PDB file of N, CA and C in Angstrom:
ATOM      1  N   MET A   1     -34.021  -2.115   9.279  1.00  0.00           N
ATOM      2  CA  MET A   1     -33.238  -1.230  10.131  1.00  0.00           C
ATOM      3  C   MET A   1     -34.179  -0.515  11.095  1.00  0.00           C
ATOM      4  N   GLN A   2     -33.973  -0.750  12.357  1.00  0.00           N
ATOM      5  CA  GLN A   2     -34.831  -0.177  13.374  1.00  0.00           C
ATOM      6  C   GLN A   2     -34.298   1.149  13.921  1.00  0.00           C
ATOM      7  N   ASP A   3     -32.998   1.378  13.848  1.00  0.00           N
ATOM      8  CA  ASP A   3     -32.373   2.543  14.467  1.00  0.00           C
ATOM      9  C   ASP A   3     -32.441   3.759  13.534  1.00  0.00           C
ATOM     10  N   ALA A   4     -33.152   4.790  13.935  1.00  0.00           N
ATOM     11  CA  ALA A   4     -33.317   5.996  13.110  1.00  0.00           C
ATOM     12  C   ALA A   4     -31.984   6.702  12.885  1.00  0.00           C
ATOM     13  N   ASP A   5     -31.127   6.764  13.914  1.00  0.00           N
ATOM     14  CA  ASP A   5     -29.811   7.394  13.752  1.00  0.00           C
ATOM     15  C   ASP A   5     -28.990   6.664  12.698  1.00  0.00           C
ATOM     16  N   PHE A   6     -28.979   5.342  12.769  1.00  0.00           N
ATOM     17  CA  PHE A   6     -28.215   4.556  11.802  1.00  0.00           C
ATOM     18  C   PHE A   6     -28.718   4.821  10.390  1.00  0.00           C
ATOM     19  N   ARG A   7     -30.016   4.822  10.186  1.00  0.00           N
ATOM     20  CA  ARG A   7     -30.585   5.084   8.852  1.00  0.00           C
ATOM     21  C   ARG A   7     -30.139   6.451   8.343  1.00  0.00           C
ATOM     22  N   ARG A   8     -30.148   7.456   9.213  1.00  0.00           N
ATOM     23  CA  ARG A   8     -29.735   8.809   8.823  1.00  0.00           C
ATOM     24  C   ARG A   8     -28.242   8.832   8.473  1.00  0.00           C
ATOM     25  N   TRP A   9     -27.419   8.190   9.313  1.00  0.00           N
ATOM     26  CA  TRP A   9     -25.977   8.163   9.053  1.00  0.00           C
ATOM     27  C   TRP A   9     -25.670   7.420   7.752  1.00  0.00           C
ATOM     28  N   TRP A  10     -26.335   6.284   7.570  1.00  0.00           N
ATOM     29  CA  TRP A  10     -26.111   5.493   6.358  1.00  0.00           C
ATOM     30  C   TRP A  10     -26.507   6.286   5.121  1.00  0.00           C
ATOM     31  N   ALA A  11     -27.612   6.971   5.157  1.00  0.00           N
ATOM     32  CA  ALA A  11     -28.099   7.743   4.017  1.00  0.00           C
ATOM     33  C   ALA A  11     -27.188   8.922   3.695  1.00  0.00           C
ATOM     34  N   SER A  12     -26.546   9.487   4.721  1.00  0.00           N
ATOM     35  CA  SER A  12     -25.706  10.667   4.483  1.00  0.00           C
ATOM     36  C   SER A  12     -24.362  10.300   3.855  1.00  0.00           C
ATOM     37  N   HIS A  13     -23.950   9.034   3.936  1.00  0.00           N
ATOM     38  CA  HIS A  13     -22.650   8.583   3.412  1.00  0.00           C
ATOM     39  C   HIS A  13     -21.516   9.459   3.924  1.00  0.00           C
ATOM     40  N   ASP A  14     -21.619   9.879   5.149  1.00  0.00           N
ATOM     41  CA  ASP A  14     -20.614  10.736   5.775  1.00  0.00           C
ATOM     42  C   ASP A  14     -19.443   9.861   6.223  1.00  0.00           C
ATOM     43  N   VAL A  15     -18.566   9.571   5.262  1.00  0.00           N
ATOM     44  CA  VAL A  15     -17.460   8.660   5.509  1.00  0.00           C
ATOM     45  C   VAL A  15     -16.164   9.454   5.548  1.00  0.00           C
ATOM     46  N   ALA A  16     -15.376   9.229   6.566  1.00  0.00           N
ATOM     47  CA  ALA A  16     -14.078   9.884   6.661  1.00  0.00           C
ATOM     48  C   ALA A  16     -13.093   9.143   5.760  1.00  0.00           C
ATOM     49  N   LEU A  17     -12.482   9.875   4.859  1.00  0.00           N
ATOM     50  CA  LEU A  17     -11.505   9.270   3.966  1.00  0.00           C
ATOM     51  C   LEU A  17     -10.144   9.240   4.644  1.00  0.00           C
ATOM     52  N   ARG A  18      -9.518   8.090   4.630  1.00  0.00           N
ATOM     53  CA  ARG A  18      -8.177   7.970   5.183  1.00  0.00           C
ATOM     54  C   ARG A  18      -7.187   8.216   4.054  1.00  0.00           C
ATOM     55  N   THR A  19      -6.224   9.073   4.310  1.00  0.00           N
ATOM     56  CA  THR A  19      -5.224   9.370   3.293  1.00  0.00           C
ATOM     57  C   THR A  19      -3.853   8.833   3.661  1.00  0.00           C
ATOM     58  N   GLY A  20      -3.765   8.115   4.766  1.00  0.00           N
ATOM     59  CA  GLY A  20      -2.485   7.549   5.157  1.00  0.00           C
ATOM     60  C   GLY A  20      -2.635   6.645   6.350  1.00  0.00           C
ATOM     61  N   GLY A  21      -1.595   5.862   6.580  1.00  0.00           N
ATOM     62  CA  GLY A  21      -1.616   4.962   7.725  1.00  0.00           C
ATOM     63  C   GLY A  21      -0.479   3.975   7.636  1.00  0.00           C
ATOM     64  N   THR A  22      -0.616   2.874   8.345  1.00  0.00           N
ATOM     65  CA  THR A  22       0.381   1.820   8.353  1.00  0.00           C
ATOM     66  C   THR A  22      -0.298   0.512   7.973  1.00  0.00           C
ATOM     67  N   LYS A  23       0.387  -0.267   7.160  1.00  0.00           N
ATOM     68  CA  LYS A  23      -0.171  -1.532   6.670  1.00  0.00           C
ATOM     69  C   LYS A  23       0.830  -2.642   6.944  1.00  0.00           C
ATOM     70  N   LEU A  24       0.346  -3.775   7.424  1.00  0.00           N
ATOM     71  CA  LEU A  24       1.180  -4.952   7.622  1.00  0.00           C
ATOM     72  C   LEU A  24       0.883  -5.929   6.494  1.00  0.00           C
ATOM     73  N   LEU A  25       1.917  -6.272   5.723  1.00  0.00           N
ATOM     74  CA  LEU A  25       1.782  -7.202   4.604  1.00  0.00           C
ATOM     75  C   LEU A  25       2.590  -8.457   4.905  1.00  0.00           C
ATOM     76  N   HIS A  26       2.181  -9.567   4.304  1.00  0.00           N
ATOM     77  CA  HIS A  26       2.829 -10.860   4.541  1.00  0.00           C
ATOM     78  C   HIS A  26       3.217 -11.545   3.226  1.00  0.00           C
ATOM     79  N   PRO A  27       4.081 -10.932   2.404  1.00  0.00           N
ATOM     80  CA  PRO A  27       4.473 -11.634   1.172  1.00  0.00           C
ATOM     81  C   PRO A  27       5.329 -12.849   1.511  1.00  0.00           C
ATOM     82  N   PRO A  28       5.100 -13.991   0.874  1.00  0.00           N
ATOM     83  CA  PRO A  28       5.811 -15.211   1.245  1.00  0.00           C
ATOM     84  C   PRO A  28       7.321 -15.155   0.981  1.00  0.00           C
ATOM     85  N   VAL A  29       7.754 -14.331   0.051  1.00  0.00           N
ATOM     86  CA  VAL A  29       9.171 -14.282  -0.300  1.00  0.00           C
ATOM     87  C   VAL A  29       9.968 -13.367   0.621  1.00  0.00           C
ATOM     88  N   ALA A  30       9.401 -12.237   1.007  1.00  0.00           N
ATOM     89  CA  ALA A  30      10.159 -11.224   1.759  1.00  0.00           C
ATOM     90  C   ALA A  30       9.882 -11.236   3.250  1.00  0.00           C
ATOM     91  N   GLY A  31       8.916 -11.990   3.709  1.00  0.00           N
ATOM     92  CA  GLY A  31       8.573 -11.965   5.127  1.00  0.00           C
ATOM     93  C   GLY A  31       7.639 -10.811   5.448  1.00  0.00           C
ATOM     94  N   ASP A  32       7.330 -10.643   6.720  1.00  0.00           N
ATOM     95  CA  ASP A  32       6.395  -9.593   7.138  1.00  0.00           C
ATOM     96  C   ASP A  32       6.968  -8.209   6.857  1.00  0.00           C
ATOM     97  N   LEU A  33       6.123  -7.329   6.349  1.00  0.00           N
ATOM     98  CA  LEU A  33       6.503  -5.951   6.050  1.00  0.00           C
ATOM     99  C   LEU A  33       5.550  -5.004   6.764  1.00  0.00           C
ATOM    100  N   THR A  34       6.095  -4.037   7.459  1.00  0.00           N
ATOM    101  CA  THR A  34       5.297  -2.947   8.022  1.00  0.00           C
ATOM    102  C   THR A  34       5.605  -1.720   7.190  1.00  0.00           C
ATOM    103  N   LEU A  35       4.596  -1.243   6.453  1.00  0.00           N
ATOM    104  CA  LEU A  35       4.798  -0.135   5.528  1.00  0.00           C
ATOM    105  C   LEU A  35       3.869   1.021   5.867  1.00  0.00           C
ATOM    106  N   ASP A  36       4.402   2.225   5.773  1.00  0.00           N
ATOM    107  CA  ASP A  36       3.564   3.417   5.879  1.00  0.00           C
ATOM    108  C   ASP A  36       3.015   3.692   4.495  1.00  0.00           C
ATOM    109  N   TRP A  37       1.752   4.103   4.429  1.00  0.00           N
ATOM    110  CA  TRP A  37       1.152   4.409   3.137  1.00  0.00           C
ATOM    111  C   TRP A  37       0.521   5.784   3.167  1.00  0.00           C
ATOM    112  N   GLU A  38       0.471   6.393   1.996  1.00  0.00           N
ATOM    113  CA  GLU A  38      -0.151   7.708   1.843  1.00  0.00           C
ATOM    114  C   GLU A  38      -0.786   7.777   0.458  1.00  0.00           C
ATOM    115  N   ILE A  39      -1.971   8.370   0.398  1.00  0.00           N
ATOM    116  CA  ILE A  39      -2.661   8.579  -0.871  1.00  0.00           C
ATOM    117  C   ILE A  39      -2.408  10.015  -1.311  1.00  0.00           C
ATOM    118  N   LEU A  40      -1.883  10.158  -2.519  1.00  0.00           N
ATOM    119  CA  LEU A  40      -1.662  11.469  -3.107  1.00  0.00           C
ATOM    120  C   LEU A  40      -2.720  11.672  -4.181  1.00  0.00           C
ATOM    121  N   THR A  41      -3.420  12.801  -4.118  1.00  0.00           N
ATOM    122  CA  THR A  41      -4.505  13.090  -5.047  1.00  0.00           C
ATOM    123  C   THR A  41      -4.097  14.228  -5.969  1.00  0.00           C
ATOM    124  N   SER A  42      -4.374  14.066  -7.246  1.00  0.00           N
ATOM    125  CA  SER A  42      -4.065  15.091  -8.232  1.00  0.00           C
ATOM    126  C   SER A  42      -4.916  16.337  -7.969  1.00  0.00           C
ATOM    127  N   ALA A  43      -4.264  17.493  -7.940  1.00  0.00           N
ATOM    128  CA  ALA A  43      -4.992  18.744  -7.714  1.00  0.00           C
ATOM    129  C   ALA A  43      -5.902  19.077  -8.893  1.00  0.00           C
ATOM    130  N   THR A  44      -5.528  18.658 -10.099  1.00  0.00           N
ATOM    131  CA  THR A  44      -6.330  18.986 -11.278  1.00  0.00           C
ATOM    132  C   THR A  44      -7.365  17.928 -11.617  1.00  0.00           C
ATOM    133  N   ASP A  45      -7.204  16.714 -11.062  1.00  0.00           N
ATOM    134  CA  ASP A  45      -8.161  15.643 -11.316  1.00  0.00           C
ATOM    135  C   ASP A  45      -8.264  14.772 -10.067  1.00  0.00           C
ATOM    136  N   PRO A  46      -9.168  15.116  -9.133  1.00  0.00           N
ATOM    137  CA  PRO A  46      -9.274  14.394  -7.869  1.00  0.00           C
ATOM    138  C   PRO A  46      -9.557  12.901  -8.008  1.00  0.00           C
ATOM    139  N   ASP A  47     -10.010  12.460  -9.188  1.00  0.00           N
ATOM    140  CA  ASP A  47     -10.238  11.029  -9.391  1.00  0.00           C
ATOM    141  C   ASP A  47      -8.928  10.268  -9.620  1.00  0.00           C
ATOM    142  N   GLN A  48      -7.853  10.999  -9.909  1.00  0.00           N
ATOM    143  CA  GLN A  48      -6.542  10.386 -10.098  1.00  0.00           C
ATOM    144  C   GLN A  48      -5.804  10.374  -8.768  1.00  0.00           C
ATOM    145  N   GLN A  49      -5.471   9.195  -8.280  1.00  0.00           N
ATOM    146  CA  GLN A  49      -4.788   9.063  -7.000  1.00  0.00           C
ATOM    147  C   GLN A  49      -3.628   8.085  -7.137  1.00  0.00           C
ATOM    148  N   LEU A  50      -2.623   8.285  -6.305  1.00  0.00           N
ATOM    149  CA  LEU A  50      -1.452   7.426  -6.271  1.00  0.00           C
ATOM    150  C   LEU A  50      -1.198   7.014  -4.832  1.00  0.00           C
ATOM    151  N   MET A  51      -1.045   5.720  -4.600  1.00  0.00           N
ATOM    152  CA  MET A  51      -0.715   5.250  -3.256  1.00  0.00           C
ATOM    153  C   MET A  51       0.791   5.013  -3.204  1.00  0.00           C
ATOM    154  N   VAL A  52       1.426   5.609  -2.206  1.00  0.00           N
ATOM    155  CA  VAL A  52       2.859   5.450  -1.998  1.00  0.00           C
ATOM    156  C   VAL A  52       3.051   4.684  -0.694  1.00  0.00           C
ATOM    157  N   MET A  53       3.845   3.613  -0.770  1.00  0.00           N
ATOM    158  CA  MET A  53       4.137   2.820   0.422  1.00  0.00           C
ATOM    159  C   MET A  53       5.643   2.862   0.659  1.00  0.00           C
ATOM    160  N   THR A  54       6.032   3.131   1.908  1.00  0.00           N
ATOM    161  CA  THR A  54       7.445   3.227   2.250  1.00  0.00           C
ATOM    162  C   THR A  54       7.720   2.469   3.543  1.00  0.00           C
ATOM    163  N   ALA A  55       8.968   2.056   3.682  1.00  0.00           N
ATOM    164  CA  ALA A  55       9.429   1.405   4.906  1.00  0.00           C
ATOM    165  C   ALA A  55      10.420   2.346   5.577  1.00  0.00           C
ATOM    166  N   GLU A  56      10.441   2.329   6.891  1.00  0.00           N
ATOM    167  CA  GLU A  56      11.374   3.164   7.638  1.00  0.00           C
ATOM    168  C   GLU A  56      12.804   2.726   7.305  1.00  0.00           C
ATOM    169  N   PRO A  57      13.659   3.675   6.879  1.00  0.00           N
ATOM    170  CA  PRO A  57      15.031   3.316   6.531  1.00  0.00           C
ATOM    171  C   PRO A  57      15.730   2.580   7.680  1.00  0.00           C
ATOM    172  N   GLY A  58      16.428   1.501   7.320  1.00  0.00           N
ATOM    173  CA  GLY A  58      17.163   0.714   8.304  1.00  0.00           C
ATOM    174  C   GLY A  58      16.329  -0.308   9.053  1.00  0.00           C
ATOM    175  N   SER A  59      15.027  -0.271   8.884  1.00  0.00           N
ATOM    176  CA  SER A  59      14.148  -1.205   9.598  1.00  0.00           C
ATOM    177  C   SER A  59      14.201  -2.581   8.931  1.00  0.00           C
ATOM    178  N   PRO A  60      13.747  -3.627   9.639  1.00  0.00           N
ATOM    179  CA  PRO A  60      13.657  -4.950   9.008  1.00  0.00           C
ATOM    180  C   PRO A  60      12.780  -4.927   7.746  1.00  0.00           C
ATOM    181  N   SER A  61      11.736  -4.108   7.753  1.00  0.00           N
ATOM    182  CA  SER A  61      10.873  -4.009   6.565  1.00  0.00           C
ATOM    183  C   SER A  61      11.630  -3.392   5.398  1.00  0.00           C
ATOM    184  N   HIS A  62      12.469  -2.400   5.681  1.00  0.00           N
ATOM    185  CA  HIS A  62      13.274  -1.767   4.634  1.00  0.00           C
ATOM    186  C   HIS A  62      14.246  -2.785   4.042  1.00  0.00           C
ATOM    187  N   GLN A  63      14.893  -3.572   4.899  1.00  0.00           N
ATOM    188  CA  GLN A  63      15.815  -4.604   4.431  1.00  0.00           C
ATOM    189  C   GLN A  63      15.072  -5.658   3.606  1.00  0.00           C
ATOM    190  N   ALA A  64      13.880  -6.027   4.059  1.00  0.00           N
ATOM    191  CA  ALA A  64      13.077  -7.017   3.325  1.00  0.00           C
ATOM    192  C   ALA A  64      12.666  -6.462   1.966  1.00  0.00           C
ATOM    193  N   MET A  65      12.328  -5.191   1.899  1.00  0.00           N
ATOM    194  CA  MET A  65      11.954  -4.580   0.611  1.00  0.00           C
ATOM    195  C   MET A  65      13.142  -4.597  -0.348  1.00  0.00           C
ATOM    196  N   SER A  66      14.348  -4.334   0.163  1.00  0.00           N
ATOM    197  CA  SER A  66      15.548  -4.390  -0.680  1.00  0.00           C
ATOM    198  C   SER A  66      15.737  -5.803  -1.226  1.00  0.00           C
ATOM    199  N   PHE A  67      15.566  -6.811  -0.371  1.00  0.00           N
ATOM    200  CA  PHE A  67      15.668  -8.199  -0.807  1.00  0.00           C
ATOM    201  C   PHE A  67      14.591  -8.499  -1.848  1.00  0.00           C
ATOM    202  N   PHE A  68      13.373  -8.090  -1.574  1.00  0.00           N
ATOM    203  CA  PHE A  68      12.247  -8.362  -2.468  1.00  0.00           C
ATOM    204  C   PHE A  68      12.492  -7.737  -3.834  1.00  0.00           C
ATOM    205  N   THR A  69      13.024  -6.512  -3.849  1.00  0.00           N
ATOM    206  CA  THR A  69      13.319  -5.824  -5.111  1.00  0.00           C
ATOM    207  C   THR A  69      14.385  -6.575  -5.896  1.00  0.00           C
ATOM    208  N   SER A  70      15.471  -6.979  -5.229  1.00  0.00           N
ATOM    209  CA  SER A  70      16.540  -7.694  -5.937  1.00  0.00           C
ATOM    210  C   SER A  70      16.052  -9.057  -6.414  1.00  0.00           C
ATOM    211  N   TRP A  71      15.233  -9.730  -5.621  1.00  0.00           N
ATOM    212  CA  TRP A  71      14.684 -11.028  -6.015  1.00  0.00           C
ATOM    213  C   TRP A  71      13.798 -10.876  -7.253  1.00  0.00           C
ATOM    214  N   THR A  72      12.976  -9.825  -7.276  1.00  0.00           N
ATOM    215  CA  THR A  72      12.082  -9.582  -8.411  1.00  0.00           C
ATOM    216  C   THR A  72      12.889  -9.295  -9.671  1.00  0.00           C
ATOM    217  N   GLU A  73      13.934  -8.461  -9.549  1.00  0.00           N
ATOM    218  CA  GLU A  73      14.773  -8.147 -10.708  1.00  0.00           C
ATOM    219  C   GLU A  73      15.469  -9.401 -11.238  1.00  0.00           C
ATOM    220  N   ALA A  74      15.977 -10.243 -10.345  1.00  0.00           N
ATOM    221  CA  ALA A  74      16.638 -11.483 -10.770  1.00  0.00           C
ATOM    222  C   ALA A  74      15.653 -12.412 -11.459  1.00  0.00           C
ATOM    223  N   THR A  75      14.443 -12.502 -10.934  1.00  0.00           N
ATOM    224  CA  THR A  75      13.414 -13.365 -11.526  1.00  0.00           C
ATOM    225  C   THR A  75      13.050 -12.879 -12.932  1.00  0.00           C
ATOM    226  N   ARG A  76      12.932 -11.561 -13.097  1.00  0.00           N
ATOM    227  CA  ARG A  76      12.625 -10.991 -14.416  1.00  0.00           C
ATOM    228  C   ARG A  76      13.749 -11.283 -15.391  1.00  0.00           C
ATOM    229  N   SER A  77      14.997 -11.131 -14.951  1.00  0.00           N
ATOM    230  CA  SER A  77      16.153 -11.393 -15.833  1.00  0.00           C
ATOM    231  C   SER A  77      16.166 -12.851 -16.277  1.00  0.00           C
ATOM    232  N   GLU A  78      15.911 -13.767 -15.358  1.00  0.00           N
ATOM    233  CA  GLU A  78      15.877 -15.193 -15.702  1.00  0.00           C
ATOM    234  C   GLU A  78      14.771 -15.481 -16.688  1.00  0.00           C
ATOM    235  N   ALA A  79      13.614 -14.875 -16.494  1.00  0.00           N
ATOM    236  CA  ALA A  79      12.471 -15.123 -17.381  1.00  0.00           C
ATOM    237  C   ALA A  79      12.728 -14.600 -18.795  1.00  0.00           C
ATOM    238  N   SER A  80      13.485 -13.498 -18.877  1.00  0.00           N
ATOM    239  CA  SER A  80      13.736 -12.907 -20.195  1.00  0.00           C
ATOM    240  C   SER A  80      14.972 -13.506 -20.861  1.00  0.00           C
ATOM    241  N   GLY A  81      15.750 -14.314 -20.114  1.00  0.00           N
ATOM    242  CA  GLY A  81      16.949 -14.895 -20.673  1.00  0.00           C
ATOM    243  C   GLY A  81      18.149 -13.979 -20.627  1.00  0.00           C
ATOM    244  N   ARG A  82      18.001 -12.808 -20.002  1.00  0.00           N
ATOM    245  CA  ARG A  82      19.113 -11.854 -19.871  1.00  0.00           C
ATOM    246  C   ARG A  82      19.912 -12.203 -18.631  1.00  0.00           C
ATOM    247  N   PRO A  83      21.230 -11.950 -18.681  1.00  0.00           N
ATOM    248  CA  PRO A  83      22.013 -12.138 -17.462  1.00  0.00           C
ATOM    249  C   PRO A  83      21.658 -11.069 -16.431  1.00  0.00           C
ATOM    250  N   SER A  84      21.708 -11.418 -15.128  1.00  0.00           N
ATOM    251  CA  SER A  84      21.362 -10.436 -14.103  1.00  0.00           C
ATOM    252  C   SER A  84      22.504  -9.520 -13.796  1.00  0.00           C
TER     253      SER A  84
END
């Protein structure tokens, strides 16, 4: 590494943590999904985090998520031998 600034920045590990954004997923069953995501951190244990992903209500991604959920439930019912 020749760049002194880069070495200093790398050593400081000064990384901005992202706690939310938008993610594009391509599951083969549901089609393309555009989901908003947010990381929720426990106030009492910062090492415990939960990622929540949501689709805008009424959007094609929301409709695809509804289909994906029903497809998953039907697949589970078939695998367990229970009627759906």
